[in-house]
Protein backbone atom coordinates (compact mmCIF):
# COMPACT_ATOMS: atom_id res chain seq x y z
CA UNK A 1 0.01 0.04 0.17
CA UNK A 2 1.44 3.43 -0.82
CA UNK A 3 1.87 5.80 1.91
CA UNK A 4 -0.55 8.76 2.50
CA UNK A 5 1.86 11.15 0.91
CA UNK A 6 2.62 8.84 -2.16
CA UNK A 7 0.70 8.62 -5.34
CA UNK A 8 1.16 5.41 -7.44
CA UNK A 9 0.72 5.75 -11.12
CA UNK A 10 -1.48 3.18 -12.58
CA UNK A 11 0.51 0.64 -14.75
CA UNK A 12 3.71 1.17 -12.87
CA UNK A 13 5.27 -0.78 -10.04
CA UNK A 14 4.89 0.93 -6.59
CA UNK A 15 7.85 3.16 -5.68
CA UNK A 16 8.68 3.68 -9.41
CA UNK A 17 7.02 6.87 -10.53
CA UNK A 18 5.38 7.71 -7.26
CA UNK A 19 5.35 11.36 -6.39
CA UNK A 20 4.68 12.96 -3.13
CA UNK A 21 1.53 15.29 -2.91
CA UNK A 22 3.72 18.20 -2.36
CA UNK A 23 5.58 17.61 -5.55
CA UNK A 24 2.49 17.25 -7.79
CA UNK A 25 1.31 20.17 -9.98
CA UNK A 26 -2.24 20.48 -11.19
CA UNK A 27 -2.81 19.33 -14.71
CA UNK A 28 -3.47 21.67 -17.55
CA UNK A 29 -7.21 21.59 -18.19
CA UNK A 30 -6.53 21.62 -21.94
CA UNK A 31 -4.62 18.21 -21.58
CA UNK A 32 -7.44 16.54 -19.78
CA UNK A 33 -9.38 14.29 -22.17
CA UNK A 34 -13.16 13.79 -22.07
CA UNK A 35 -12.95 10.79 -20.18
CA UNK A 36 -11.26 12.51 -17.27
CA UNK A 37 -7.70 10.81 -17.79
CA UNK A 38 -4.77 12.93 -18.40
CA UNK A 39 -3.60 12.99 -21.95
CA UNK A 40 -0.20 14.04 -22.77
CA UNK A 41 -0.32 16.05 -26.01
CA UNK A 42 2.57 17.53 -28.04
CA UNK A 43 2.94 18.92 -31.59
CA UNK A 44 4.80 16.81 -34.23
CA UNK A 45 8.14 18.21 -35.07
CA UNK A 46 6.86 19.95 -38.36
CA UNK A 47 3.99 21.62 -36.38
CA UNK A 48 6.25 22.63 -33.75
CA UNK A 49 8.41 24.31 -36.43
CA UNK A 50 5.51 26.05 -38.11
CA UNK A 51 4.31 27.30 -34.71
CA UNK A 52 7.88 28.78 -33.83
CA UNK A 53 7.69 30.61 -37.23
CA UNK A 54 4.54 32.14 -36.01
CA UNK A 55 2.75 32.56 -39.59
CA UNK A 56 -0.11 34.48 -37.90
CA UNK A 57 2.30 37.37 -37.34
CA UNK A 58 3.12 37.55 -41.05
CA UNK A 59 0.18 39.91 -41.28
CA UNK A 60 2.54 42.57 -40.19
CA UNK A 61 4.60 42.23 -43.24
CA UNK A 62 1.83 43.20 -45.39
CA UNK A 63 3.14 46.68 -44.77
CA UNK A 64 5.80 46.01 -47.26
CA UNK A 65 3.07 45.91 -49.95
CA UNK A 66 1.12 48.57 -48.48
CA UNK A 67 3.91 51.08 -48.75
CA UNK A 68 4.55 50.52 -52.31
CA UNK A 69 0.73 50.57 -53.02
CA UNK A 70 0.50 53.88 -51.20
CA UNK A 71 3.02 55.30 -53.87
CA UNK A 72 0.79 53.91 -56.58
CA UNK A 73 3.63 51.66 -57.88
CA UNK A 74 1.95 48.16 -57.76
CA UNK A 75 0.68 48.42 -61.42
CA UNK A 76 3.75 49.19 -62.98
CA UNK A 77 6.12 46.44 -64.77
CA UNK A 78 7.42 43.72 -62.39
CA UNK A 79 6.87 45.74 -59.20
CA UNK A 80 4.27 43.42 -57.87
CA UNK A 81 6.67 40.39 -58.13
CA UNK A 82 9.57 42.31 -56.47
CA UNK A 83 7.38 43.65 -53.68
CA UNK A 84 5.83 40.31 -53.22
CA UNK A 85 9.07 38.60 -52.90
CA UNK A 86 10.25 41.28 -50.52
CA UNK A 87 7.28 40.54 -48.30
CA UNK A 88 8.32 36.91 -48.29
CA UNK A 89 11.89 37.77 -47.36
CA UNK A 90 10.60 39.84 -44.44
CA UNK A 91 8.40 36.94 -43.25
CA UNK A 92 11.46 34.75 -43.27
CA UNK A 93 13.45 37.38 -41.40
CA UNK A 94 10.67 37.82 -38.71
CA UNK A 95 10.31 34.08 -38.37
CA UNK A 96 14.04 33.65 -37.78
CA UNK A 97 14.12 36.27 -35.07
CA UNK A 98 10.99 34.62 -33.37
CA UNK A 99 12.81 31.31 -33.35
CA UNK A 100 16.01 32.82 -31.84
CA UNK A 101 13.98 34.91 -29.24
CA UNK A 102 12.00 31.74 -28.23
CA UNK A 103 15.45 30.14 -27.32
CA UNK A 104 16.49 33.09 -25.36
CA UNK A 105 13.23 33.72 -23.68
CA UNK A 106 12.24 30.14 -22.96
CA UNK A 107 12.44 30.40 -19.08
CA UNK A 108 10.56 33.73 -19.14
CA UNK A 109 7.86 32.29 -21.65
CA UNK A 110 7.11 29.36 -19.25
CA UNK A 111 5.69 31.81 -16.82
CA UNK A 112 3.32 33.38 -19.24
CA UNK A 113 -0.17 32.31 -19.61
CA UNK A 114 -0.02 31.86 -23.28
CA UNK A 115 3.60 32.06 -24.24
CA UNK A 116 4.23 28.87 -22.29
CA UNK A 117 2.73 26.83 -25.01
CA UNK A 118 5.35 28.07 -27.55
CA UNK A 119 7.24 24.97 -28.81
CA UNK A 120 10.72 25.70 -27.23
CA UNK A 121 9.14 26.65 -23.84
CA UNK A 122 6.75 23.68 -23.93
CA UNK A 123 9.83 21.46 -24.66
CA UNK A 124 8.48 20.27 -28.11
CA UNK A 125 11.41 21.81 -30.10
CA UNK A 126 14.99 21.41 -28.95
CA UNK A 127 16.64 24.83 -28.44
CA UNK A 128 19.56 23.98 -30.59
CA UNK A 129 17.13 23.00 -33.36
CA UNK A 130 15.28 26.27 -32.92
CA UNK A 131 18.52 28.26 -33.04
CA UNK A 132 19.59 26.44 -36.26
CA UNK A 133 16.21 27.09 -37.71
CA UNK A 134 16.33 30.94 -36.71
CA UNK A 135 19.72 31.23 -38.48
CA UNK A 136 18.63 29.46 -41.65
CA UNK A 137 15.55 31.56 -41.95
CA UNK A 138 17.54 34.78 -41.41
CA UNK A 139 20.24 33.90 -44.01
CA UNK A 140 17.59 32.88 -46.47
CA UNK A 141 15.68 36.12 -46.06
CA UNK A 142 18.75 38.16 -46.57
CA UNK A 143 19.83 36.31 -49.72
CA UNK A 144 16.26 36.81 -51.04
CA UNK A 145 16.52 40.49 -50.27
CA UNK A 146 19.88 40.61 -52.04
CA UNK A 147 18.50 39.01 -55.12
CA UNK A 148 15.71 41.59 -55.34
CA UNK A 149 17.96 44.51 -54.78
CA UNK A 150 21.25 44.99 -52.94
CA UNK A 151 19.89 47.96 -51.13
CA UNK A 152 16.94 45.81 -49.80
CA UNK A 153 19.48 43.54 -48.06
CA UNK A 154 20.86 46.58 -46.31
CA UNK A 155 17.34 47.46 -45.02
CA UNK A 156 16.77 43.80 -44.12
CA UNK A 157 20.11 43.84 -42.32
CA UNK A 158 19.03 46.88 -40.62
CA UNK A 159 15.65 45.21 -39.48
CA UNK A 160 17.59 42.29 -38.09
CA UNK A 161 20.05 44.49 -36.05
CA UNK A 162 17.15 46.46 -34.67
CA UNK A 163 15.07 43.60 -33.65
CA UNK A 164 17.91 41.45 -32.33
CA UNK A 165 19.17 44.50 -30.44
CA UNK A 166 15.58 44.89 -29.00
CA UNK A 167 15.65 41.53 -27.65
CA UNK A 168 18.90 42.03 -25.96
CA UNK A 169 18.70 45.67 -24.68
CA UNK A 170 15.84 47.97 -25.94
CA UNK A 171 12.97 45.98 -24.54
CA UNK A 172 14.24 46.71 -21.00
CA UNK A 173 14.58 50.48 -21.55
CA UNK A 174 11.51 52.88 -20.86
CA UNK A 175 9.92 54.49 -24.06
CA UNK A 176 13.13 53.09 -26.22
CA UNK A 177 11.34 49.84 -26.21
CA UNK A 178 8.18 51.28 -27.95
CA UNK A 179 10.40 53.20 -30.22
CA UNK A 180 12.28 50.13 -31.29
CA UNK A 181 9.04 48.19 -32.02
CA UNK A 182 7.81 51.15 -34.08
CA UNK A 183 11.10 51.26 -35.86
CA UNK A 184 10.59 47.59 -37.01
CA UNK A 185 7.18 48.69 -38.66
CA UNK A 186 8.93 51.67 -40.33
CA UNK A 187 11.63 49.52 -41.77
CA UNK A 188 9.12 47.29 -43.32
CA UNK A 189 7.54 50.35 -45.04
CA UNK A 190 10.98 51.34 -46.32
CA UNK A 191 11.44 47.73 -47.56
CA UNK A 192 8.33 48.11 -49.74
CA UNK A 193 9.69 51.58 -51.12
CA UNK A 194 13.19 50.19 -51.87
CA UNK A 195 11.78 46.88 -53.49
CA UNK A 196 9.57 48.85 -55.81
CA UNK A 197 11.62 51.12 -56.19
CA UNK A 198 9.65 54.39 -55.26
CA UNK A 199 10.11 57.33 -52.96
CA UNK A 200 7.80 57.16 -50.12
CA UNK A 201 6.14 60.35 -48.99
CA UNK A 202 7.53 61.76 -45.71
CA UNK A 203 4.01 62.22 -44.42
CA UNK A 204 3.40 58.55 -45.26
CA UNK A 205 6.47 57.42 -43.28
CA UNK A 206 5.37 59.68 -40.35
CA UNK A 207 1.83 57.99 -40.48
CA UNK A 208 3.46 54.58 -40.22
CA UNK A 209 5.67 55.66 -37.38
CA UNK A 210 3.12 57.29 -35.36
CA UNK A 211 0.66 54.32 -36.00
CA UNK A 212 3.37 51.79 -34.97
CA UNK A 213 3.90 53.73 -31.77
CA UNK A 214 0.26 53.65 -31.17
CA UNK A 215 0.12 49.81 -31.51
CA UNK A 216 3.30 49.41 -29.55
CA UNK A 217 1.96 51.52 -26.68
CA UNK A 218 -1.30 49.59 -26.72
CA UNK A 219 0.64 46.44 -26.39
CA UNK A 220 2.38 47.70 -23.25
CA UNK A 221 -0.81 48.93 -21.86
CA UNK A 222 -2.60 45.67 -22.31
CA UNK A 223 0.40 43.75 -20.73
CA UNK A 224 0.40 46.26 -17.72
CA UNK A 225 -3.35 45.68 -17.23
CA UNK A 226 -3.00 41.75 -17.29
CA UNK A 227 0.09 41.80 -14.99
CA UNK A 228 -1.66 44.17 -12.60
CA UNK A 229 -3.85 41.13 -12.09
CA UNK A 230 -1.12 38.54 -12.00
CA UNK A 231 2.58 38.93 -12.13
CA UNK A 232 2.98 35.95 -14.45
CA UNK A 233 5.26 36.73 -17.37
CA UNK A 234 5.61 40.37 -16.54
CA UNK A 235 8.35 42.13 -18.37
CA UNK A 236 10.83 44.08 -16.39
CA UNK A 237 10.21 47.42 -18.31
CA UNK A 238 6.48 47.32 -17.17
CA UNK A 239 7.77 48.21 -13.64
CA UNK A 240 8.66 51.66 -15.05
CA UNK A 241 5.42 52.37 -16.83
CA UNK A 242 2.13 53.52 -15.59
CA UNK A 243 -1.37 53.43 -16.94
CA UNK A 244 -1.54 57.38 -17.36
CA UNK A 245 1.78 57.40 -19.05
CA UNK A 246 0.72 54.85 -21.65
CA UNK A 247 -2.66 56.52 -22.21
CA UNK A 248 -1.01 59.83 -22.87
CA UNK A 249 1.32 58.11 -25.38
CA UNK A 250 -1.61 56.41 -27.08
CA UNK A 251 -3.47 59.66 -27.32
CA UNK A 252 -0.45 61.44 -28.63
CA UNK A 253 0.74 59.01 -31.23
CA UNK A 254 -2.83 58.50 -32.50
CA UNK A 255 -3.46 62.26 -32.98
CA UNK A 256 -0.13 62.42 -34.90
CA UNK A 257 -1.02 59.55 -36.99
CA UNK A 258 -4.39 60.93 -37.93
CA UNK A 259 -2.93 64.46 -38.71
CA UNK A 260 -0.11 63.05 -40.75
CA UNK A 261 -2.66 60.84 -42.60
CA UNK A 262 -4.81 63.85 -43.39
CA UNK A 263 -1.96 65.79 -44.69
CA UNK A 264 -0.93 62.94 -46.85
CA UNK A 265 -4.37 62.17 -48.11
CA UNK A 266 -4.88 65.85 -49.16
CA UNK A 267 -1.88 65.91 -51.14
CA UNK A 268 -3.92 64.14 -53.78
CA UNK A 269 -7.30 65.97 -53.08
CA UNK A 270 -9.37 64.78 -56.15
CA UNK A 271 -9.24 62.40 -59.14
CA UNK A 272 -11.84 63.24 -61.86
CA UNK A 273 -13.62 65.42 -59.28
CA UNK A 274 -13.78 62.65 -56.68
CA UNK A 275 -11.79 63.04 -53.51
CA UNK A 276 -10.82 59.22 -53.30
CA UNK A 277 -7.92 59.57 -50.95
CA UNK A 278 -9.48 62.07 -48.63
CA UNK A 279 -12.44 59.85 -48.38
CA UNK A 280 -9.90 57.09 -46.79
CA UNK A 281 -9.53 59.39 -43.82
CA UNK A 282 -12.88 58.33 -42.47
CA UNK A 283 -12.23 54.57 -42.29
CA UNK A 284 -8.59 55.32 -41.09
CA UNK A 285 -9.96 57.42 -38.12
CA UNK A 286 -12.51 54.75 -37.32
CA UNK A 287 -9.71 52.02 -37.18
CA UNK A 288 -7.69 54.08 -34.69
CA UNK A 289 -10.70 54.80 -32.50
CA UNK A 290 -11.69 51.10 -32.58
CA UNK A 291 -8.19 49.81 -31.86
CA UNK A 292 -7.90 52.20 -28.97
CA UNK A 293 -11.18 51.26 -27.58
CA UNK A 294 -10.17 47.61 -27.57
CA UNK A 295 -6.73 48.48 -25.87
CA UNK A 296 -8.72 50.26 -23.13
CA UNK A 297 -10.59 47.01 -22.37
CA UNK A 298 -7.27 45.06 -22.07
CA UNK A 299 -6.77 43.72 -25.59
CA UNK A 300 -3.85 44.59 -27.71
CA UNK A 301 -1.11 42.61 -26.15
CA UNK A 302 -1.13 40.53 -29.33
CA UNK A 303 -2.08 43.00 -32.21
CA UNK A 304 -2.38 40.42 -34.85
CA UNK A 305 -4.86 38.52 -32.92
CA UNK A 306 -6.95 41.74 -32.52
CA UNK A 307 -6.78 42.37 -36.03
CA UNK A 308 -7.75 38.75 -37.02
CA UNK A 309 -10.59 38.38 -34.53
CA UNK A 310 -12.37 41.77 -34.52
CA UNK A 311 -14.94 42.00 -37.30
CA UNK A 312 -15.36 45.76 -36.97
CA UNK A 313 -11.59 46.35 -37.70
CA UNK A 314 -11.80 43.96 -40.52
CA UNK A 315 -14.87 45.45 -42.18
CA UNK A 316 -13.37 49.18 -41.86
CA UNK A 317 -10.10 47.81 -43.00
CA UNK A 318 -11.79 46.35 -46.19
CA UNK A 319 -13.62 49.79 -46.62
CA UNK A 320 -10.26 51.56 -46.55
CA UNK A 321 -8.79 49.23 -49.03
CA UNK A 322 -11.63 49.54 -51.56
CA UNK A 323 -11.65 53.38 -51.44
CA UNK A 324 -7.89 53.54 -51.78
CA UNK A 325 -7.80 50.96 -54.61
CA UNK A 326 -10.56 52.93 -56.40
CA UNK A 327 -8.52 56.04 -56.08
CA UNK A 328 -5.38 54.39 -57.48
CA UNK A 329 -7.50 52.85 -60.33
CA UNK A 330 -8.95 56.29 -61.13
CA UNK A 331 -5.61 57.95 -61.09
CA UNK A 332 -3.98 55.37 -63.35
């Protein structure tokens, strides 16, 4: 008979696999099968690799295409092919960084309510394999950039330098962590212009910068709200932020983004008497307001999840895209 403080696992001899009650940890509810037995689940190696690459976050790299589209260059020659390949290259670069970051942050991720399910943190992907995957993806992305245009490889290298230095340093520094995240979005836009190649409007670049700060500040505010309830997975930099600081940053960056967008939109006031680009101000403003409202409810920690889940944002985004596409078509 096992002692009062020992649990015997069925199918194993006593004393071989028993554990004291104090050593037991509650099972993850997601791992409990319908019959009530504990089911150990794990992703297959290929699925673990795909999860590490985080394809859901590739939506951010659509900015590479949007930047060239904003300049009205997507209908020229082989520009769509070059810009499309540049988008693929930045997806590879981003996935490589995610893999390297997962190795570095595995211990911290295990304390986070959702990040603990990442393959490296969950023990589904060997850290050495993840590091090799990350290196291979980054090298492939840079080579693809160089094949499109040598200058694009320089932009890709700058993106890697910024994001990797963010992982090591900037994410622990007040304000600069948000600036570094915003810088990654700006470099995506620059990549679209370089791949086309076209010269991006300074006002458009300011729109991207301010909107990126808006999203990054919203991410920090959502993290702060969550970790005020539980300290699990709390970033060190959050100890330096306050709710009012982040609210002010959100309001300021949102106002700058809207102002810069209005200036940019009115640079092409009408096409055949129709103010196509100024009309896009309305859905853009609604997107900012909607996203800000979602952030105030504690969402925004994973911006891509908000974009992929919120129907209002999706519908307004489609409205913006249609108006903009009609304007480009009318001007061509």
